[in-house]
């Protein structure tokens, strides 16, 4: 993680809805295009899986306001 918001951005993985919704968050620093939409579109499935493996639950992430699981 860097101290500059423009160097990296959060990726939120979300599955399900309502009480079944699960959210996980990771930070990503593009190595190619700095625009987040283009950088994200250029990621392979394997790279996305690796980012998911590094992700943390929404409960521990400031990007989701430390979201508690739905009940």
PDB file of N, CA and C in Angstrom:
ATOM      1  N   UNK A   1       0.839  -1.172   0.000  1.00  0.00           N
ATOM      2  CA  UNK A   1       0.000   0.000   0.000  1.00  0.00           C
ATOM      3  C   UNK A   1       0.884   1.234   0.000  1.00  0.00           C
ATOM      4  N   UNK A   2       0.439   2.235  -0.745  1.00  0.00           N
ATOM      5  CA  UNK A   2       1.182   3.486  -0.771  1.00  0.00           C
ATOM      6  C   UNK A   2       0.391   4.563  -0.042  1.00  0.00           C
ATOM      7  N   UNK A   3       1.025   5.672   0.198  1.00  0.00           N
ATOM      8  CA  UNK A   3       0.345   6.755   0.908  1.00  0.00           C
ATOM      9  C   UNK A   3      -0.410   7.682  -0.038  1.00  0.00           C
ATOM     10  N   UNK A   4      -0.358   7.408  -1.331  1.00  0.00           N
ATOM     11  CA  UNK A   4      -1.006   8.275  -2.306  1.00  0.00           C
ATOM     12  C   UNK A   4      -2.240   7.584  -2.888  1.00  0.00           C
ATOM     13  N   UNK A   5      -3.414   8.204  -2.706  1.00  0.00           N
ATOM     14  CA  UNK A   5      -4.661   7.618  -3.195  1.00  0.00           C
ATOM     15  C   UNK A   5      -4.670   7.432  -4.703  1.00  0.00           C
ATOM     16  N   UNK A   6      -3.929   8.242  -5.421  1.00  0.00           N
ATOM     17  CA  UNK A   6      -3.943   8.138  -6.878  1.00  0.00           C
ATOM     18  C   UNK A   6      -3.048   7.019  -7.379  1.00  0.00           C
ATOM     19  N   UNK A   7      -2.195   6.459  -6.541  1.00  0.00           N
ATOM     20  CA  UNK A   7      -1.331   5.357  -6.938  1.00  0.00           C
ATOM     21  C   UNK A   7      -2.063   4.028  -6.938  1.00  0.00           C
ATOM     22  N   UNK A   8      -3.112   3.921  -6.166  1.00  0.00           N
ATOM     23  CA  UNK A   8      -3.829   2.659  -6.019  1.00  0.00           C
ATOM     24  C   UNK A   8      -5.299   2.917  -5.740  1.00  0.00           C
ATOM     25  N   UNK A   9      -6.083   1.861  -5.857  1.00  0.00           N
ATOM     26  CA  UNK A   9      -7.508   1.990  -5.592  1.00  0.00           C
ATOM     27  C   UNK A   9      -8.020   0.706  -4.972  1.00  0.00           C
ATOM     28  N   UNK A  10      -9.195   0.786  -4.380  1.00  0.00           N
ATOM     29  CA  UNK A  10      -9.802  -0.373  -3.737  1.00  0.00           C
ATOM     30  C   UNK A  10     -10.608  -1.159  -4.764  1.00  0.00           C
ATOM     31  N   UNK A  11     -10.567  -2.478  -4.637  1.00  0.00           N
ATOM     32  CA  UNK A  11     -11.432  -3.361  -5.405  1.00  0.00           C
ATOM     33  C   UNK A  11     -12.321  -4.072  -4.395  1.00  0.00           C
ATOM     34  N   UNK A  12     -13.626  -3.959  -4.602  1.00  0.00           N
ATOM     35  CA  UNK A  12     -14.593  -4.599  -3.714  1.00  0.00           C
ATOM     36  C   UNK A  12     -15.187  -5.803  -4.436  1.00  0.00           C
ATOM     37  N   UNK A  13     -14.984  -6.984  -3.873  1.00  0.00           N
ATOM     38  CA  UNK A  13     -15.590  -8.210  -4.387  1.00  0.00           C
ATOM     39  C   UNK A  13     -16.900  -8.401  -3.642  1.00  0.00           C
ATOM     40  N   UNK A  14     -17.977  -8.643  -4.374  1.00  0.00           N
ATOM     41  CA  UNK A  14     -19.282  -8.782  -3.739  1.00  0.00           C
ATOM     42  C   UNK A  14     -20.008  -9.994  -4.319  1.00  0.00           C
ATOM     43  N   UNK A  15     -20.621 -10.767  -3.428  1.00  0.00           N
ATOM     44  CA  UNK A  15     -21.370 -11.953  -3.836  1.00  0.00           C
ATOM     45  C   UNK A  15     -22.671 -11.996  -3.040  1.00  0.00           C
ATOM     46  N   UNK A  16     -23.777 -12.276  -3.734  1.00  0.00           N
ATOM     47  CA  UNK A  16     -25.060 -12.405  -3.063  1.00  0.00           C
ATOM     48  C   UNK A  16     -25.730 -11.066  -2.820  1.00  0.00           C
ATOM     49  N   UNK A  17     -26.853 -11.130  -2.093  1.00  0.00           N
ATOM     50  CA  UNK A  17     -27.583  -9.916  -1.764  1.00  0.00           C
ATOM     51  C   UNK A  17     -28.291 -10.100  -0.431  1.00  0.00           C
ATOM     52  N   UNK A  18     -28.739  -8.993   0.128  1.00  0.00           N
ATOM     53  CA  UNK A  18     -29.439  -9.043   1.407  1.00  0.00           C
ATOM     54  C   UNK A  18     -28.592  -9.675   2.495  1.00  0.00           C
ATOM     55  N   UNK A  19     -29.205 -10.559   3.266  1.00  0.00           N
ATOM     56  CA  UNK A  19     -28.489 -11.188   4.372  1.00  0.00           C
ATOM     57  C   UNK A  19     -27.441 -12.195   3.895  1.00  0.00           C
ATOM     58  N   UNK A  20     -27.484 -12.548   2.619  1.00  0.00           N
ATOM     59  CA  UNK A  20     -26.498 -13.485   2.057  1.00  0.00           C
ATOM     60  C   UNK A  20     -25.315 -12.773   1.399  1.00  0.00           C
ATOM     61  N   UNK A  21     -25.323 -11.436   1.420  1.00  0.00           N
ATOM     62  CA  UNK A  21     -24.257 -10.682   0.754  1.00  0.00           C
ATOM     63  C   UNK A  21     -22.946 -10.819   1.516  1.00  0.00           C
ATOM     64  N   UNK A  22     -21.893 -11.071   0.752  1.00  0.00           N
ATOM     65  CA  UNK A  22     -20.535 -11.152   1.293  1.00  0.00           C
ATOM     66  C   UNK A  22     -19.686 -10.160   0.510  1.00  0.00           C
ATOM     67  N   UNK A  23     -18.965  -9.293   1.233  1.00  0.00           N
ATOM     68  CA  UNK A  23     -18.082  -8.309   0.590  1.00  0.00           C
ATOM     69  C   UNK A  23     -16.669  -8.474   1.116  1.00  0.00           C
ATOM     70  N   UNK A  24     -15.710  -8.400   0.184  1.00  0.00           N
ATOM     71  CA  UNK A  24     -14.292  -8.450   0.520  1.00  0.00           C
ATOM     72  C   UNK A  24     -13.598  -7.330  -0.248  1.00  0.00           C
ATOM     73  N   UNK A  25     -12.542  -6.780   0.342  1.00  0.00           N
ATOM     74  CA  UNK A  25     -11.882  -5.612  -0.239  1.00  0.00           C
ATOM     75  C   UNK A  25     -10.371  -5.835  -0.281  1.00  0.00           C
ATOM     76  N   UNK A  26      -9.766  -5.353  -1.358  1.00  0.00           N
ATOM     77  CA  UNK A  26      -8.313  -5.338  -1.451  1.00  0.00           C
ATOM     78  C   UNK A  26      -7.891  -4.038  -2.114  1.00  0.00           C
ATOM     79  N   UNK A  27      -6.650  -3.668  -1.972  1.00  0.00           N
ATOM     80  CA  UNK A  27      -6.089  -2.492  -2.632  1.00  0.00           C
ATOM     81  C   UNK A  27      -5.287  -2.982  -3.828  1.00  0.00           C
ATOM     82  N   UNK A  28      -5.322  -2.205  -4.919  1.00  0.00           N
ATOM     83  CA  UNK A  28      -4.622  -2.580  -6.143  1.00  0.00           C
ATOM     84  C   UNK A  28      -3.864  -1.383  -6.687  1.00  0.00           C
ATOM     85  N   UNK A  29      -2.622  -1.605  -7.033  1.00  0.00           N
ATOM     86  CA  UNK A  29      -1.802  -0.565  -7.648  1.00  0.00           C
ATOM     87  C   UNK A  29      -1.503  -0.987  -9.076  1.00  0.00           C
ATOM     88  N   UNK A  30      -2.087  -0.312 -10.050  1.00  0.00           N
ATOM     89  CA  UNK A  30      -1.865  -0.679 -11.445  1.00  0.00           C
ATOM     90  C   UNK A  30      -0.408  -0.513 -11.855  1.00  0.00           C
ATOM     91  N   UNK A  31       0.062  -1.426 -12.682  1.00  0.00           N
ATOM     92  CA  UNK A  31       1.423  -1.315 -13.197  1.00  0.00           C
ATOM     93  C   UNK A  31       1.424  -0.792 -14.628  1.00  0.00           C
ATOM     94  N   UNK A  32       0.266  -0.806 -15.275  1.00  0.00           N
ATOM     95  CA  UNK A  32       0.148  -0.297 -16.639  1.00  0.00           C
ATOM     96  C   UNK A  32      -0.565   1.031 -16.637  1.00  0.00           C
ATOM     97  N   UNK A  33      -1.737   1.046 -17.238  1.00  0.00           N
ATOM     98  CA  UNK A  33      -2.539   2.266 -17.326  1.00  0.00           C
ATOM     99  C   UNK A  33      -2.970   2.716 -15.926  1.00  0.00           C
ATOM    100  N   UNK A  34      -2.793   3.992 -15.586  1.00  0.00           N
ATOM    101  CA  UNK A  34      -3.160   4.458 -14.246  1.00  0.00           C
ATOM    102  C   UNK A  34      -4.664   4.620 -14.036  1.00  0.00           C
ATOM    103  N   UNK A  35      -5.451   4.630 -15.104  1.00  0.00           N
ATOM    104  CA  UNK A  35      -6.908   4.757 -14.941  1.00  0.00           C
ATOM    105  C   UNK A  35      -7.460   3.458 -14.388  1.00  0.00           C
ATOM    106  N   UNK A  36      -8.215   3.545 -13.304  1.00  0.00           N
ATOM    107  CA  UNK A  36      -8.672   2.340 -12.624  1.00  0.00           C
ATOM    108  C   UNK A  36      -9.567   1.477 -13.496  1.00  0.00           C
ATOM    109  N   UNK A  37     -10.433   2.068 -14.323  1.00  0.00           N
ATOM    110  CA  UNK A  37     -11.319   1.260 -15.153  1.00  0.00           C
ATOM    111  C   UNK A  37     -10.548   0.462 -16.195  1.00  0.00           C
ATOM    112  N   UNK A  38      -9.542   1.077 -16.793  1.00  0.00           N
ATOM    113  CA  UNK A  38      -8.742   0.379 -17.798  1.00  0.00           C
ATOM    114  C   UNK A  38      -7.848  -0.657 -17.142  1.00  0.00           C
ATOM    115  N   UNK A  39      -7.200  -0.284 -16.034  1.00  0.00           N
ATOM    116  CA  UNK A  39      -6.322  -1.218 -15.331  1.00  0.00           C
ATOM    117  C   UNK A  39      -7.085  -2.457 -14.882  1.00  0.00           C
ATOM    118  N   UNK A  40      -8.289  -2.266 -14.371  1.00  0.00           N
ATOM    119  CA  UNK A  40      -9.102  -3.387 -13.917  1.00  0.00           C
ATOM    120  C   UNK A  40      -9.514  -4.278 -15.091  1.00  0.00           C
ATOM    121  N   UNK A  41      -9.889  -3.683 -16.205  1.00  0.00           N
ATOM    122  CA  UNK A  41     -10.293  -4.445 -17.389  1.00  0.00           C
ATOM    123  C   UNK A  41      -9.131  -5.263 -17.962  1.00  0.00           C
ATOM    124  N   UNK A  42      -7.908  -4.825 -17.726  1.00  0.00           N
ATOM    125  CA  UNK A  42      -6.739  -5.517 -18.262  1.00  0.00           C
ATOM    126  C   UNK A  42      -6.276  -6.690 -17.397  1.00  0.00           C
ATOM    127  N   UNK A  43      -6.858  -6.859 -16.205  1.00  0.00           N
ATOM    128  CA  UNK A  43      -6.452  -7.956 -15.330  1.00  0.00           C
ATOM    129  C   UNK A  43      -6.963  -9.294 -15.862  1.00  0.00           C
ATOM    130  N   UNK A  44      -6.135 -10.313 -15.774  1.00  0.00           N
ATOM    131  CA  UNK A  44      -6.550 -11.660 -16.163  1.00  0.00           C
ATOM    132  C   UNK A  44      -7.365 -12.281 -15.041  1.00  0.00           C
ATOM    133  N   UNK A  45      -8.032 -13.383 -15.332  1.00  0.00           N
ATOM    134  CA  UNK A  45      -8.788 -14.093 -14.294  1.00  0.00           C
ATOM    135  C   UNK A  45      -7.860 -14.533 -13.162  1.00  0.00           C
ATOM    136  N   UNK A  46      -6.661 -14.975 -13.512  1.00  0.00           N
ATOM    137  CA  UNK A  46      -5.700 -15.422 -12.497  1.00  0.00           C
ATOM    138  C   UNK A  46      -5.282 -14.258 -11.593  1.00  0.00           C
ATOM    139  N   UNK A  47      -5.092 -13.083 -12.178  1.00  0.00           N
ATOM    140  CA  UNK A  47      -4.717 -11.909 -11.386  1.00  0.00           C
ATOM    141  C   UNK A  47      -5.860 -11.489 -10.463  1.00  0.00           C
ATOM    142  N   UNK A  48      -7.098 -11.563 -10.961  1.00  0.00           N
ATOM    143  CA  UNK A  48      -8.248 -11.249 -10.108  1.00  0.00           C
ATOM    144  C   UNK A  48      -8.366 -12.244  -8.960  1.00  0.00           C
ATOM    145  N   UNK A  49      -8.125 -13.522  -9.247  1.00  0.00           N
ATOM    146  CA  UNK A  49      -8.168 -14.541  -8.190  1.00  0.00           C
ATOM    147  C   UNK A  49      -7.092 -14.275  -7.143  1.00  0.00           C
ATOM    148  N   UNK A  50      -5.913 -13.866  -7.575  1.00  0.00           N
ATOM    149  CA  UNK A  50      -4.837 -13.555  -6.634  1.00  0.00           C
ATOM    150  C   UNK A  50      -5.218 -12.360  -5.759  1.00  0.00           C
ATOM    151  N   UNK A  51      -5.850 -11.353  -6.347  1.00  0.00           N
ATOM    152  CA  UNK A  51      -6.298 -10.201  -5.561  1.00  0.00           C
ATOM    153  C   UNK A  51      -7.382 -10.613  -4.571  1.00  0.00           C
ATOM    154  N   UNK A  52      -8.286 -11.496  -4.993  1.00  0.00           N
ATOM    155  CA  UNK A  52      -9.314 -11.987  -4.075  1.00  0.00           C
ATOM    156  C   UNK A  52      -8.672 -12.730  -2.903  1.00  0.00           C
ATOM    157  N   UNK A  53      -7.663 -13.547  -3.196  1.00  0.00           N
ATOM    158  CA  UNK A  53      -6.974 -14.290  -2.136  1.00  0.00           C
ATOM    159  C   UNK A  53      -6.330 -13.359  -1.112  1.00  0.00           C
ATOM    160  N   UNK A  54      -5.936 -12.153  -1.551  1.00  0.00           N
ATOM    161  CA  UNK A  54      -5.309 -11.170  -0.665  1.00  0.00           C
ATOM    162  C   UNK A  54      -6.331 -10.270   0.033  1.00  0.00           C
ATOM    163  N   UNK A  55      -7.587 -10.377  -0.339  1.00  0.00           N
ATOM    164  CA  UNK A  55      -8.605  -9.451   0.163  1.00  0.00           C
ATOM    165  C   UNK A  55      -8.931  -9.694   1.628  1.00  0.00           C
ATOM    166  N   UNK A  56      -9.562  -8.692   2.225  1.00  0.00           N
ATOM    167  CA  UNK A  56      -9.984  -8.777   3.621  1.00  0.00           C
ATOM    168  C   UNK A  56     -11.493  -8.598   3.692  1.00  0.00           C
ATOM    169  N   UNK A  57     -12.082  -9.040   4.764  1.00  0.00           N
ATOM    170  CA  UNK A  57     -13.530  -8.913   4.906  1.00  0.00           C
ATOM    171  C   UNK A  57     -13.923  -7.443   5.032  1.00  0.00           C
ATOM    172  N   UNK A  58     -15.163  -7.150   4.688  1.00  0.00           N
ATOM    173  CA  UNK A  58     -15.668  -5.783   4.799  1.00  0.00           C
ATOM    174  C   UNK A  58     -15.601  -5.276   6.235  1.00  0.00           C
ATOM    175  N   UNK A  59     -15.686  -6.184   7.175  1.00  0.00           N
ATOM    176  CA  UNK A  59     -15.635  -5.831   8.592  1.00  0.00           C
ATOM    177  C   UNK A  59     -14.325  -5.149   8.977  1.00  0.00           C
ATOM    178  N   UNK A  60     -13.251  -5.450   8.263  1.00  0.00           N
ATOM    179  CA  UNK A  60     -11.939  -4.884   8.591  1.00  0.00           C
ATOM    180  C   UNK A  60     -11.463  -3.850   7.574  1.00  0.00           C
ATOM    181  N   UNK A  61     -12.366  -3.366   6.733  1.00  0.00           N
ATOM    182  CA  UNK A  61     -11.962  -2.473   5.656  1.00  0.00           C
ATOM    183  C   UNK A  61     -12.583  -1.079   5.763  1.00  0.00           C
ATOM    184  N   UNK A  62     -11.759  -0.040   5.775  1.00  0.00           N
ATOM    185  CA  UNK A  62     -12.308   1.309   5.822  1.00  0.00           C
ATOM    186  C   UNK A  62     -13.086   1.669   4.550  1.00  0.00           C
ATOM    187  N   UNK A  63     -12.772   1.026   3.424  1.00  0.00           N
ATOM    188  CA  UNK A  63     -13.477   1.304   2.172  1.00  0.00           C
ATOM    189  C   UNK A  63     -14.958   0.933   2.230  1.00  0.00           C
ATOM    190  N   UNK A  64     -15.333   0.052   3.137  1.00  0.00           N
ATOM    191  CA  UNK A  64     -16.739  -0.335   3.293  1.00  0.00           C
ATOM    192  C   UNK A  64     -17.284   0.147   4.638  1.00  0.00           C
ATOM    193  N   UNK A  65     -16.599   1.106   5.235  1.00  0.00           N
ATOM    194  CA  UNK A  65     -16.998   1.662   6.534  1.00  0.00           C
ATOM    195  C   UNK A  65     -17.106   0.564   7.599  1.00  0.00           C
ATOM    196  N   UNK A  66     -16.206  -0.406   7.530  1.00  0.00           N
ATOM    197  CA  UNK A  66     -16.146  -1.493   8.500  1.00  0.00           C
ATOM    198  C   UNK A  66     -17.521  -2.175   8.628  1.00  0.00           C
ATOM    199  N   UNK A  67     -18.102  -2.452   7.482  1.00  0.00           N
ATOM    200  CA  UNK A  67     -19.458  -2.997   7.380  1.00  0.00           C
ATOM    201  C   UNK A  67     -19.629  -4.296   8.152  1.00  0.00           C
ATOM    202  N   UNK A  68     -20.643  -4.333   8.976  1.00  0.00           N
ATOM    203  CA  UNK A  68     -20.980  -5.554   9.705  1.00  0.00           C
ATOM    204  C   UNK A  68     -21.785  -6.475   8.791  1.00  0.00           C
ATOM    205  N   UNK A  69     -21.644  -7.790   8.957  1.00  0.00           N
ATOM    206  CA  UNK A  69     -22.434  -8.711   8.142  1.00  0.00           C
ATOM    207  C   UNK A  69     -23.925  -8.485   8.377  1.00  0.00           C
ATOM    208  N   UNK A  70     -24.716  -8.633   7.307  1.00  0.00           N
ATOM    209  CA  UNK A  70     -26.175  -8.499   7.421  1.00  0.00           C
ATOM    210  C   UNK A  70     -26.751  -9.682   8.163  1.00  0.00           C
ATOM    211  N   UNK A  71     -27.834  -9.442   8.872  1.00  0.00           N
ATOM    212  CA  UNK A  71     -28.493 -10.532   9.601  1.00  0.00           C
ATOM    213  C   UNK A  71     -29.867 -10.772   9.070  1.00  0.00           C
TER     214      UNK A  71
END
